[in-house]
PDB file of N, CA and C in Angstrom:
ATOM      1  N   UNK A   1      83.204  29.411 162.529  1.00  0.00           N
ATOM      2  CA  UNK A   1      81.801  29.495 162.143  1.00  0.00           C
ATOM      3  C   UNK A   1      81.352  28.257 161.359  1.00  0.00           C
ATOM      4  N   UNK A   2      82.199  27.766 160.477  1.00  0.00           N
ATOM      5  CA  UNK A   2      81.777  26.636 159.655  1.00  0.00           C
ATOM      6  C   UNK A   2      81.648  25.349 160.482  1.00  0.00           C
ATOM      7  N   UNK A   3      82.391  25.254 161.575  1.00  0.00           N
ATOM      8  CA  UNK A   3      82.221  24.081 162.443  1.00  0.00           C
ATOM      9  C   UNK A   3      80.795  24.027 162.972  1.00  0.00           C
ATOM     10  N   UNK A   4      80.281  25.177 163.390  1.00  0.00           N
ATOM     11  CA  UNK A   4      78.910  25.254 163.886  1.00  0.00           C
ATOM     12  C   UNK A   4      77.924  24.919 162.768  1.00  0.00           C
ATOM     13  N   UNK A   5      78.205  25.392 161.555  1.00  0.00           N
ATOM     14  CA  UNK A   5      77.344  25.120 160.404  1.00  0.00           C
ATOM     15  C   UNK A   5      77.250  23.612 160.172  1.00  0.00           C
ATOM     16  N   UNK A   6      78.406  22.937 160.159  1.00  0.00           N
ATOM     17  CA  UNK A   6      78.406  21.499 159.884  1.00  0.00           C
ATOM     18  C   UNK A   6      77.796  20.705 161.030  1.00  0.00           C
ATOM     19  N   UNK A   7      77.914  21.212 162.231  1.00  0.00           N
ATOM     20  CA  UNK A   7      77.263  20.562 163.369  1.00  0.00           C
ATOM     21  C   UNK A   7      75.741  20.613 163.180  1.00  0.00           C
ATOM     22  N   UNK A   8      75.253  21.776 162.758  1.00  0.00           N
ATOM     23  CA  UNK A   8      73.813  21.920 162.509  1.00  0.00           C
ATOM     24  C   UNK A   8      73.374  21.092 161.306  1.00  0.00           C
ATOM     25  N   UNK A   9      74.218  21.022 160.284  1.00  0.00           N
ATOM     26  CA  UNK A   9      73.914  20.215 159.103  1.00  0.00           C
ATOM     27  C   UNK A   9      73.787  18.743 159.506  1.00  0.00           C
ATOM     28  N   UNK A  10      74.720  18.283 160.333  1.00  0.00           N
ATOM     29  CA  UNK A  10      74.657  16.895 160.817  1.00  0.00           C
ATOM     30  C   UNK A  10      73.412  16.665 161.666  1.00  0.00           C
ATOM     31  N   UNK A  11      73.031  17.655 162.467  1.00  0.00           N
ATOM     32  CA  UNK A  11      71.816  17.561 163.270  1.00  0.00           C
ATOM     33  C   UNK A  11      70.594  17.443 162.365  1.00  0.00           C
ATOM     34  N   UNK A  12      70.549  18.245 161.310  1.00  0.00           N
ATOM     35  CA  UNK A  12      69.443  18.172 160.354  1.00  0.00           C
ATOM     36  C   UNK A  12      69.369  16.775 159.741  1.00  0.00           C
ATOM     37  N   UNK A  13      70.505  16.256 159.302  1.00  0.00           N
ATOM     38  CA  UNK A  13      70.528  14.920 158.703  1.00  0.00           C
ATOM     39  C   UNK A  13      70.070  13.869 159.707  1.00  0.00           C
ATOM     40  N   UNK A  14      70.474  14.015 160.947  1.00  0.00           N
ATOM     41  CA  UNK A  14      70.072  13.077 161.991  1.00  0.00           C
ATOM     42  C   UNK A  14      68.567  13.133 162.234  1.00  0.00           C
ATOM     43  N   UNK A  15      68.019  14.353 162.297  1.00  0.00           N
ATOM     44  CA  UNK A  15      66.579  14.505 162.502  1.00  0.00           C
ATOM     45  C   UNK A  15      65.798  13.921 161.330  1.00  0.00           C
ATOM     46  N   UNK A  16      66.275  14.163 160.110  1.00  0.00           N
ATOM     47  CA  UNK A  16      65.609  13.620 158.927  1.00  0.00           C
ATOM     48  C   UNK A  16      65.680  12.100 158.916  1.00  0.00           C
ATOM     49  N   UNK A  17      66.808  11.571 159.325  1.00  0.00           N
ATOM     50  CA  UNK A  17      66.968  10.120 159.406  1.00  0.00           C
ATOM     51  C   UNK A  17      65.977   9.536 160.419  1.00  0.00           C
ATOM     52  N   UNK A  18      65.819  10.210 161.555  1.00  0.00           N
ATOM     53  CA  UNK A  18      64.862   9.760 162.581  1.00  0.00           C
ATOM     54  C   UNK A  18      63.424   9.810 162.082  1.00  0.00           C
ATOM     55  N   UNK A  19      63.157  10.709 161.123  1.00  0.00           N
ATOM     56  CA  UNK A  19      61.815  10.827 160.542  1.00  0.00           C
ATOM     57  C   UNK A  19      61.614   9.836 159.396  1.00  0.00           C
ATOM     58  N   UNK A  20      62.631   9.030 159.105  1.00  0.00           N
ATOM     59  CA  UNK A  20      62.520   8.051 158.030  1.00  0.00           C
ATOM     60  C   UNK A  20      62.732   8.627 156.647  1.00  0.00           C
ATOM     61  N   UNK A  21      63.425   9.725 156.565  1.00  0.00           N
ATOM     62  CA  UNK A  21      63.667  10.391 155.281  1.00  0.00           C
ATOM     63  C   UNK A  21      65.101  10.145 154.807  1.00  0.00           C
ATOM     64  N   UNK A  22      65.453   8.874 154.728  1.00  0.00           N
ATOM     65  CA  UNK A  22      66.812   8.513 154.350  1.00  0.00           C
ATOM     66  C   UNK A  22      67.161   8.973 152.938  1.00  0.00           C
ATOM     67  N   UNK A  23      66.192   8.985 152.029  1.00  0.00           N
ATOM     68  CA  UNK A  23      66.464   9.453 150.665  1.00  0.00           C
ATOM     69  C   UNK A  23      66.897  10.913 150.667  1.00  0.00           C
ATOM     70  N   UNK A  24      66.247  11.725 151.493  1.00  0.00           N
ATOM     71  CA  UNK A  24      66.617  13.136 151.582  1.00  0.00           C
ATOM     72  C   UNK A  24      68.003  13.284 152.207  1.00  0.00           C
ATOM     73  N   UNK A  25      68.281  12.510 153.228  1.00  0.00           N
ATOM     74  CA  UNK A  25      69.616  12.532 153.843  1.00  0.00           C
ATOM     75  C   UNK A  25      70.668  12.185 152.790  1.00  0.00           C
ATOM     76  N   UNK A  26      70.397  11.186 151.972  1.00  0.00           N
ATOM     77  CA  UNK A  26      71.335  10.796 150.914  1.00  0.00           C
ATOM     78  C   UNK A  26      71.551  11.936 149.919  1.00  0.00           C
ATOM     79  N   UNK A  27      70.465  12.648 149.570  1.00  0.00           N
ATOM     80  CA  UNK A  27      70.583  13.798 148.662  1.00  0.00           C
ATOM     81  C   UNK A  27      71.437  14.893 149.277  1.00  0.00           C
ATOM     82  N   UNK A  28      71.237  15.160 150.566  1.00  0.00           N
ATOM     83  CA  UNK A  28      72.008  16.210 151.233  1.00  0.00           C
ATOM     84  C   UNK A  28      73.478  15.827 151.337  1.00  0.00           C
ATOM     85  N   UNK A  29      73.749  14.575 151.623  1.00  0.00           N
ATOM     86  CA  UNK A  29      75.151  14.117 151.700  1.00  0.00           C
ATOM     87  C   UNK A  29      75.807  14.164 150.316  1.00  0.00           C
ATOM     88  N   UNK A  30      75.030  13.866 149.279  1.00  0.00           N
ATOM     89  CA  UNK A  30      75.563  13.971 147.920  1.00  0.00           C
ATOM     90  C   UNK A  30      75.870  15.435 147.601  1.00  0.00           C
ATOM     91  N   UNK A  31      74.976  16.328 147.983  1.00  0.00           N
ATOM     92  CA  UNK A  31      75.202  17.761 147.770  1.00  0.00           C
ATOM     93  C   UNK A  31      76.468  18.209 148.485  1.00  0.00           C
ATOM     94  N   UNK A  32      76.690  17.691 149.672  1.00  0.00           N
ATOM     95  CA  UNK A  32      77.877  18.033 150.452  1.00  0.00           C
ATOM     96  C   UNK A  32      79.155  17.615 149.716  1.00  0.00           C
ATOM     97  N   UNK A  33      79.070  16.573 148.921  1.00  0.00           N
ATOM     98  CA  UNK A  33      80.246  16.088 148.193  1.00  0.00           C
ATOM     99  C   UNK A  33      80.692  17.051 147.092  1.00  0.00           C
ATOM    100  N   UNK A  34      79.850  18.033 146.743  1.00  0.00           N
ATOM    101  CA  UNK A  34      80.228  19.006 145.713  1.00  0.00           C
ATOM    102  C   UNK A  34      81.253  20.010 146.221  1.00  0.00           C
ATOM    103  N   UNK A  35      81.429  20.063 147.533  1.00  0.00           N
ATOM    104  CA  UNK A  35      82.358  21.030 148.108  1.00  0.00           C
ATOM    105  C   UNK A  35      83.781  20.595 147.822  1.00  0.00           C
ATOM    106  N   UNK A  36      84.501  21.463 147.133  1.00  0.00           N
ATOM    107  CA  UNK A  36      85.860  21.140 146.738  1.00  0.00           C
ATOM    108  C   UNK A  36      86.839  22.244 147.106  1.00  0.00           C
ATOM    109  N   UNK A  37      86.381  23.191 147.921  1.00  0.00           N
ATOM    110  CA  UNK A  37      87.243  24.301 148.311  1.00  0.00           C
ATOM    111  C   UNK A  37      87.133  25.501 147.392  1.00  0.00           C
ATOM    112  N   UNK A  38      86.481  25.329 146.269  1.00  0.00           N
ATOM    113  CA  UNK A  38      86.289  26.433 145.327  1.00  0.00           C
ATOM    114  C   UNK A  38      84.898  27.033 145.510  1.00  0.00           C
ATOM    115  N   UNK A  39      84.753  28.283 145.158  1.00  0.00           N
ATOM    116  CA  UNK A  39      83.472  28.970 145.312  1.00  0.00           C
ATOM    117  C   UNK A  39      82.365  28.271 144.538  1.00  0.00           C
ATOM    118  N   UNK A  40      82.659  27.786 143.336  1.00  0.00           N
ATOM    119  CA  UNK A  40      81.640  27.095 142.537  1.00  0.00           C
ATOM    120  C   UNK A  40      81.058  25.901 143.278  1.00  0.00           C
ATOM    121  N   UNK A  41      81.897  25.196 144.006  1.00  0.00           N
ATOM    122  CA  UNK A  41      81.428  24.045 144.774  1.00  0.00           C
ATOM    123  C   UNK A  41      80.415  24.445 145.833  1.00  0.00           C
ATOM    124  N   UNK A  42      80.638  25.600 146.462  1.00  0.00           N
ATOM    125  CA  UNK A  42      79.690  26.078 147.477  1.00  0.00           C
ATOM    126  C   UNK A  42      78.346  26.416 146.844  1.00  0.00           C
ATOM    127  N   UNK A  43      78.378  27.028 145.664  1.00  0.00           N
ATOM    128  CA  UNK A  43      77.119  27.338 144.974  1.00  0.00           C
ATOM    129  C   UNK A  43      76.416  26.060 144.524  1.00  0.00           C
ATOM    130  N   UNK A  44      77.178  25.082 144.064  1.00  0.00           N
ATOM    131  CA  UNK A  44      76.581  23.792 143.687  1.00  0.00           C
ATOM    132  C   UNK A  44      75.937  23.130 144.901  1.00  0.00           C
ATOM    133  N   UNK A  45      76.630  23.188 146.041  1.00  0.00           N
ATOM    134  CA  UNK A  45      76.086  22.650 147.281  1.00  0.00           C
ATOM    135  C   UNK A  45      74.791  23.370 147.650  1.00  0.00           C
ATOM    136  N   UNK A  46      74.800  24.693 147.624  1.00  0.00           N
ATOM    137  CA  UNK A  46      73.619  25.478 147.965  1.00  0.00           C
ATOM    138  C   UNK A  46      72.450  25.140 147.049  1.00  0.00           C
ATOM    139  N   UNK A  47      72.698  25.108 145.750  1.00  0.00           N
ATOM    140  CA  UNK A  47      71.623  24.804 144.803  1.00  0.00           C
ATOM    141  C   UNK A  47      71.048  23.406 145.029  1.00  0.00           C
ATOM    142  N   UNK A  48      71.912  22.444 145.250  1.00  0.00           N
ATOM    143  CA  UNK A  48      71.452  21.072 145.484  1.00  0.00           C
ATOM    144  C   UNK A  48      70.713  20.962 146.812  1.00  0.00           C
ATOM    145  N   UNK A  49      71.197  21.657 147.823  1.00  0.00           N
ATOM    146  CA  UNK A  49      70.567  21.675 149.142  1.00  0.00           C
ATOM    147  C   UNK A  49      69.155  22.245 149.022  1.00  0.00           C
ATOM    148  N   UNK A  50      69.041  23.407 148.381  1.00  0.00           N
ATOM    149  CA  UNK A  50      67.726  24.046 148.213  1.00  0.00           C
ATOM    150  C   UNK A  50      66.768  23.160 147.426  1.00  0.00           C
ATOM    151  N   UNK A  51      67.243  22.557 146.355  1.00  0.00           N
ATOM    152  CA  UNK A  51      66.405  21.687 145.531  1.00  0.00           C
ATOM    153  C   UNK A  51      65.913  20.481 146.327  1.00  0.00           C
ATOM    154  N   UNK A  52      66.809  19.874 147.087  1.00  0.00           N
ATOM    155  CA  UNK A  52      66.442  18.702 147.882  1.00  0.00           C
ATOM    156  C   UNK A  52      65.395  19.060 148.933  1.00  0.00           C
ATOM    157  N   UNK A  53      65.576  20.178 149.596  1.00  0.00           N
ATOM    158  CA  UNK A  53      64.638  20.593 150.646  1.00  0.00           C
ATOM    159  C   UNK A  53      63.295  20.983 150.040  1.00  0.00           C
ATOM    160  N   UNK A  54      63.335  21.688 148.902  1.00  0.00           N
ATOM    161  CA  UNK A  54      62.089  22.145 148.269  1.00  0.00           C
ATOM    162  C   UNK A  54      61.240  20.971 147.777  1.00  0.00           C
ATOM    163  N   UNK A  55      61.886  19.841 147.491  1.00  0.00           N
ATOM    164  CA  UNK A  55      61.143  18.695 146.969  1.00  0.00           C
ATOM    165  C   UNK A  55      60.432  17.911 148.069  1.00  0.00           C
ATOM    166  N   UNK A  56      60.628  18.307 149.315  1.00  0.00           N
ATOM    167  CA  UNK A  56      60.052  17.595 150.455  1.00  0.00           C
ATOM    168  C   UNK A  56      59.058  18.483 151.193  1.00  0.00           C
ATOM    169  N   UNK A  57      58.179  17.863 151.914  1.00  0.00           N
ATOM    170  CA  UNK A  57      57.254  18.601 152.758  1.00  0.00           C
ATOM    171  C   UNK A  57      57.761  18.490 154.198  1.00  0.00           C
ATOM    172  N   UNK A  58      58.636  19.413 154.545  1.00  0.00           N
ATOM    173  CA  UNK A  58      59.168  19.445 155.901  1.00  0.00           C
ATOM    174  C   UNK A  58      58.301  20.363 156.746  1.00  0.00           C
ATOM    175  N   UNK A  59      58.379  20.192 158.052  1.00  0.00           N
ATOM    176  CA  UNK A  59      57.620  21.079 158.921  1.00  0.00           C
ATOM    177  C   UNK A  59      58.356  21.295 160.227  1.00  0.00           C
ATOM    178  N   UNK A  60      57.871  22.238 160.979  1.00  0.00           N
ATOM    179  CA  UNK A  60      58.367  22.500 162.311  1.00  0.00           C
ATOM    180  C   UNK A  60      59.849  22.775 162.389  1.00  0.00           C
ATOM    181  N   UNK A  61      60.470  22.169 163.381  1.00  0.00           N
ATOM    182  CA  UNK A  61      61.867  22.406 163.689  1.00  0.00           C
ATOM    183  C   UNK A  61      62.789  21.979 162.554  1.00  0.00           C
ATOM    184  N   UNK A  62      62.445  20.913 161.865  1.00  0.00           N
ATOM    185  CA  UNK A  62      63.272  20.428 160.764  1.00  0.00           C
ATOM    186  C   UNK A  62      63.315  21.454 159.636  1.00  0.00           C
ATOM    187  N   UNK A  63      62.168  21.996 159.272  1.00  0.00           N
ATOM    188  CA  UNK A  63      62.098  23.014 158.232  1.00  0.00           C
ATOM    189  C   UNK A  63      62.848  24.269 158.657  1.00  0.00           C
ATOM    190  N   UNK A  64      62.672  24.657 159.897  1.00  0.00           N
ATOM    191  CA  UNK A  64      63.347  25.853 160.412  1.00  0.00           C
ATOM    192  C   UNK A  64      64.869  25.693 160.359  1.00  0.00           C
ATOM    193  N   UNK A  65      65.358  24.531 160.755  1.00  0.00           N
ATOM    194  CA  UNK A  65      66.798  24.275 160.726  1.00  0.00           C
ATOM    195  C   UNK A  65      67.322  24.280 159.290  1.00  0.00           C
ATOM    196  N   UNK A  66      66.604  23.646 158.383  1.00  0.00           N
ATOM    197  CA  UNK A  66      67.023  23.634 156.971  1.00  0.00           C
ATOM    198  C   UNK A  66      67.078  25.050 156.412  1.00  0.00           C
ATOM    199  N   UNK A  67      66.053  25.846 156.690  1.00  0.00           N
ATOM    200  CA  UNK A  67      66.032  27.226 156.197  1.00  0.00           C
ATOM    201  C   UNK A  67      67.144  28.065 156.817  1.00  0.00           C
ATOM    202  N   UNK A  68      67.435  27.847 158.086  1.00  0.00           N
ATOM    203  CA  UNK A  68      68.534  28.556 158.742  1.00  0.00           C
ATOM    204  C   UNK A  68      69.863  28.234 158.067  1.00  0.00           C
ATOM    205  N   UNK A  69      70.077  26.959 157.777  1.00  0.00           N
ATOM    206  CA  UNK A  69      71.315  26.555 157.112  1.00  0.00           C
ATOM    207  C   UNK A  69      71.425  27.160 155.717  1.00  0.00           C
ATOM    208  N   UNK A  70      70.340  27.153 154.976  1.00  0.00           N
ATOM    209  CA  UNK A  70      70.340  27.733 153.628  1.00  0.00           C
ATOM    210  C   UNK A  70      70.597  29.235 153.696  1.00  0.00           C
ATOM    211  N   UNK A  71      69.907  29.928 154.595  1.00  0.00           N
ATOM    212  CA  UNK A  71      70.087  31.379 154.730  1.00  0.00           C
ATOM    213  C   UNK A  71      71.507  31.732 155.168  1.00  0.00           C
ATOM    214  N   UNK A  72      72.052  30.961 156.089  1.00  0.00           N
ATOM    215  CA  UNK A  72      73.424  31.196 156.552  1.00  0.00           C
ATOM    216  C   UNK A  72      74.402  31.083 155.397  1.00  0.00           C
ATOM    217  N   UNK A  73      74.231  30.058 154.599  1.00  0.00           N
ATOM    218  CA  UNK A  73      75.130  29.854 153.467  1.00  0.00           C
ATOM    219  C   UNK A  73      74.965  30.957 152.423  1.00  0.00           C
ATOM    220  N   UNK A  74      73.747  31.346 152.137  1.00  0.00           N
ATOM    221  CA  UNK A  74      73.514  32.433 151.178  1.00  0.00           C
ATOM    222  C   UNK A  74      74.195  33.711 151.647  1.00  0.00           C
ATOM    223  N   UNK A  75      74.029  34.044 152.927  1.00  0.00           N
ATOM    224  CA  UNK A  75      74.653  35.254 153.466  1.00  0.00           C
ATOM    225  C   UNK A  75      76.166  35.189 153.377  1.00  0.00           C
ATOM    226  N   UNK A  76      76.707  34.040 153.684  1.00  0.00           N
ATOM    227  CA  UNK A  76      78.167  33.877 153.630  1.00  0.00           C
ATOM    228  C   UNK A  76      78.678  34.022 152.196  1.00  0.00           C
ATOM    229  N   UNK A  77      77.975  33.449 151.240  1.00  0.00           N
ATOM    230  CA  UNK A  77      78.405  33.553 149.837  1.00  0.00           C
ATOM    231  C   UNK A  77      78.232  34.968 149.304  1.00  0.00           C
ATOM    232  N   UNK A  78      77.165  35.649 149.732  1.00  0.00           N
ATOM    233  CA  UNK A  78      76.948  37.013 149.259  1.00  0.00           C
ATOM    234  C   UNK A  78      77.941  38.010 149.851  1.00  0.00           C
ATOM    235  N   UNK A  79      78.537  37.671 150.971  1.00  0.00           N
ATOM    236  CA  UNK A  79      79.464  38.586 151.640  1.00  0.00           C
ATOM    237  C   UNK A  79      80.928  38.225 151.416  1.00  0.00           C
ATOM    238  N   UNK A  80      81.198  37.431 150.414  1.00  0.00           N
ATOM    239  CA  UNK A  80      82.590  37.068 150.089  1.00  0.00           C
ATOM    240  C   UNK A  80      83.287  38.219 149.442  1.00  0.00           C
TER     241      UNK A  80
END
């Protein structure tokens, strides 16, 4: 399941890069660096991901993909 998640995450970063939102891509990649295999790292990633997305005005497919990724992660963390 996580392979699919990261594939979608990479797709989101690629779409944002194509839209000229390199700063947001950098924020998302930095958030990804918080993952250390511990549960706290996943929550740090989620919080940083949500903050980065909320600070931008995304629309359409890009917004939908970001929200899907956030919701997927929330569900996974809540069902641990």
